[in-house]
Amino acid sequence: MLSSLGALLATPLVWPWRAVTNRWPVVAYALDAPDGTIHLRRTPPMRWTQAKMVAQAWAEHIERYGEPPAR
């Protein structure tokens, strides 16, 4: 809970900085229901348009397979 609170408090500072530098990471979390495992995948920061395309591709992959694509 503490890390979630820290992330929320940092958002007003980090979001404008990312907008100015045009560097956005893509992060995907997918929960594996039977054992409660969380699958996490994160990219290095990239341009907005590229990040948007990666996020869309990952969303389709997660819908189809239930987890982020393999690295």
Protein backbone atom coordinates (compact mmCIF):
# COMPACT_ATOMS: atom_id res chain seq x y z
CA MET A 1 0.00 0.00 0.00
CA LEU A 2 2.88 2.34 0.75
CA SER A 3 4.34 2.02 -2.76
CA SER A 4 0.92 2.72 -4.30
CA LEU A 5 0.57 5.84 -2.18
CA GLY A 6 4.06 6.97 -3.19
CA ALA A 7 3.22 6.48 -6.86
CA LEU A 8 0.05 8.54 -6.51
CA LEU A 9 1.90 11.35 -4.78
CA ALA A 10 4.65 11.38 -7.45
CA THR A 11 2.22 11.47 -10.38
CA PRO A 12 1.74 15.30 -10.44
CA LEU A 13 5.51 15.67 -10.80
CA VAL A 14 6.36 12.80 -13.13
CA TRP A 15 3.50 13.17 -15.63
CA PRO A 16 4.36 16.73 -16.76
CA TRP A 17 8.04 15.79 -16.98
CA ARG A 18 7.18 12.84 -19.27
CA ALA A 19 4.96 15.08 -21.40
CA VAL A 20 7.76 17.65 -21.87
CA THR A 21 10.46 15.06 -22.64
CA ASN A 22 8.05 12.83 -24.66
CA ARG A 23 9.41 9.70 -22.95
CA TRP A 24 6.77 7.16 -21.83
CA PRO A 25 7.28 3.61 -20.51
CA VAL A 26 4.71 0.92 -21.20
CA VAL A 27 3.86 -1.26 -18.20
CA ALA A 28 1.58 -4.30 -18.29
CA TYR A 29 0.25 -6.25 -15.32
CA ALA A 30 -1.73 -9.42 -15.79
CA LEU A 31 -3.06 -11.44 -12.88
CA ASP A 32 -2.94 -15.21 -13.06
CA ALA A 33 -6.13 -16.07 -11.16
CA PRO A 34 -5.47 -19.70 -10.05
CA ASP A 35 -2.35 -19.02 -7.96
CA GLY A 36 -2.50 -15.22 -7.63
CA THR A 37 0.74 -14.64 -9.56
CA ILE A 38 1.20 -11.24 -11.18
CA HIS A 39 2.92 -11.13 -14.58
CA LEU A 40 4.72 -7.82 -15.12
CA ARG A 41 6.34 -6.43 -18.24
CA ARG A 42 7.86 -2.97 -18.65
CA THR A 43 9.61 -1.22 -21.52
CA PRO A 44 12.23 1.49 -21.34
CA PRO A 45 10.78 4.96 -22.01
CA MET A 46 9.94 5.66 -25.66
CA ARG A 47 8.16 8.27 -27.77
CA TRP A 48 4.39 8.67 -27.24
CA THR A 49 3.33 7.22 -30.61
CA GLN A 50 5.55 4.16 -30.23
CA ALA A 51 4.38 3.62 -26.64
CA LYS A 52 0.76 3.83 -27.78
CA MET A 53 1.33 1.16 -30.46
CA VAL A 54 3.14 -1.14 -28.01
CA ALA A 55 0.36 -0.72 -25.43
CA GLN A 56 -2.28 -1.63 -28.01
CA ALA A 57 -0.33 -4.70 -29.18
CA TRP A 58 0.17 -5.84 -25.58
CA ALA A 59 -3.51 -5.34 -24.78
CA GLU A 60 -4.47 -7.58 -27.70
CA HIS A 61 -1.90 -10.19 -26.64
CA ILE A 62 -3.13 -10.14 -23.02
CA GLU A 63 -6.75 -10.54 -24.17
CA ARG A 64 -5.78 -13.51 -26.30
CA TYR A 65 -3.28 -15.27 -24.00
CA GLY A 66 -3.95 -13.86 -20.53
CA GLU A 67 -0.46 -12.48 -19.93
CA PRO A 68 1.96 -9.92 -21.37
CA PRO A 69 4.11 -11.12 -24.29
CA ALA A 70 7.40 -12.85 -23.47
CA ARG A 71 10.49 -10.67 -23.50
